């Protein structure tokens, strides 16, 4: 059951995961650029997978933000951490 505290915690975790994914992508891109060529197929595949994962994480973050907005506006009832409210 949704509650504001757990959704805010989920948002914090999502932000941390997004930051790490962006760091990994940037590092892999730097390594590829530094080598003077486009990199191997494996590197290209890894970058594509990381970018796909990043897009999925960004979608998940948007869902969390919408849930928070719905809870704050009263469109959804905050059930508390144990669903007891």
Protein backbone atom coordinates (compact mmCIF):
# COMPACT_ATOMS: atom_id res chain seq x y z
CA UNK A 1 0.00 0.00 0.00
CA UNK A 2 1.35 3.41 -0.87
CA UNK A 3 2.50 5.78 1.80
CA UNK A 4 4.39 9.03 1.55
CA UNK A 5 7.37 7.99 3.67
CA UNK A 6 8.09 4.84 1.69
CA UNK A 7 7.62 6.63 -1.64
CA UNK A 8 10.07 9.34 -0.60
CA UNK A 9 12.53 6.65 0.43
CA UNK A 10 12.03 4.93 -2.93
CA UNK A 11 12.67 8.26 -4.68
CA UNK A 12 15.93 8.70 -2.79
CA UNK A 13 17.05 5.21 -3.77
CA UNK A 14 16.02 5.77 -7.39
CA UNK A 15 18.03 8.99 -7.49
CA UNK A 16 21.10 7.16 -6.15
CA UNK A 17 20.71 4.40 -8.75
CA UNK A 18 20.29 6.95 -11.54
CA UNK A 19 23.43 8.78 -10.45
CA UNK A 20 25.43 5.55 -10.45
CA UNK A 21 24.10 4.54 -13.87
CA UNK A 22 25.00 7.94 -15.31
CA UNK A 23 28.51 7.64 -13.83
CA UNK A 24 28.99 4.21 -15.36
CA UNK A 25 27.83 5.39 -18.76
CA UNK A 26 30.09 8.44 -18.64
CA UNK A 27 33.06 6.33 -17.59
CA UNK A 28 32.49 3.82 -20.38
CA UNK A 29 32.06 6.64 -22.90
CA UNK A 30 35.32 8.24 -21.73
CA UNK A 31 37.14 4.94 -22.03
CA UNK A 32 35.78 4.48 -25.54
CA UNK A 33 36.68 8.04 -26.60
CA UNK A 34 40.12 7.77 -25.03
CA UNK A 35 40.93 4.71 -27.09
CA UNK A 36 40.61 6.70 -30.33
CA UNK A 37 37.99 4.45 -31.89
CA UNK A 38 34.37 3.55 -31.43
CA UNK A 39 35.21 0.56 -29.25
CA UNK A 40 34.34 -3.06 -29.55
CA UNK A 41 30.94 -4.60 -30.11
CA UNK A 42 31.00 -5.67 -26.47
CA UNK A 43 31.55 -2.08 -25.35
CA UNK A 44 28.78 -0.86 -27.65
CA UNK A 45 26.50 -3.57 -26.27
CA UNK A 46 27.35 -2.63 -22.70
CA UNK A 47 26.62 1.04 -23.40
CA UNK A 48 23.31 0.17 -25.04
CA UNK A 49 22.32 -2.01 -22.08
CA UNK A 50 23.29 0.70 -19.58
CA UNK A 51 21.32 3.31 -21.52
CA UNK A 52 18.27 1.03 -21.66
CA UNK A 53 18.56 0.46 -17.93
CA UNK A 54 18.88 4.20 -17.35
CA UNK A 55 15.73 4.85 -19.36
CA UNK A 56 13.83 2.25 -17.32
CA UNK A 57 15.08 3.79 -14.07
CA UNK A 58 13.99 7.26 -15.25
CA UNK A 59 10.52 5.86 -16.04
CA UNK A 60 10.36 4.29 -12.58
CA UNK A 61 11.38 7.61 -10.99
CA UNK A 62 8.55 9.38 -12.85
CA UNK A 63 6.08 6.82 -11.49
CA UNK A 64 7.35 7.40 -7.95
CA UNK A 65 7.03 11.17 -8.39
CA UNK A 66 3.45 10.74 -9.60
CA UNK A 67 2.66 8.52 -6.62
CA UNK A 68 4.07 11.18 -4.26
CA UNK A 69 2.02 13.88 -6.00
CA UNK A 70 -1.12 11.74 -5.72
CA UNK A 71 -0.51 11.11 -2.03
CA UNK A 72 0.21 14.77 -1.28
CA UNK A 73 -2.89 15.93 -3.16
CA UNK A 74 -5.15 13.41 -1.47
CA UNK A 75 -5.98 11.55 -4.69
CA UNK A 76 -4.52 8.52 -2.93
CA UNK A 77 -4.91 7.88 0.76
CA UNK A 78 -1.67 7.53 2.73
CA UNK A 79 -1.97 4.17 4.48
CA UNK A 80 1.13 4.61 6.62
CA UNK A 81 4.11 2.28 6.67
CA UNK A 82 2.04 -0.71 7.80
CA UNK A 83 -1.07 0.12 5.80
CA UNK A 84 -3.02 0.84 8.99
CA UNK A 85 -4.26 4.39 8.48
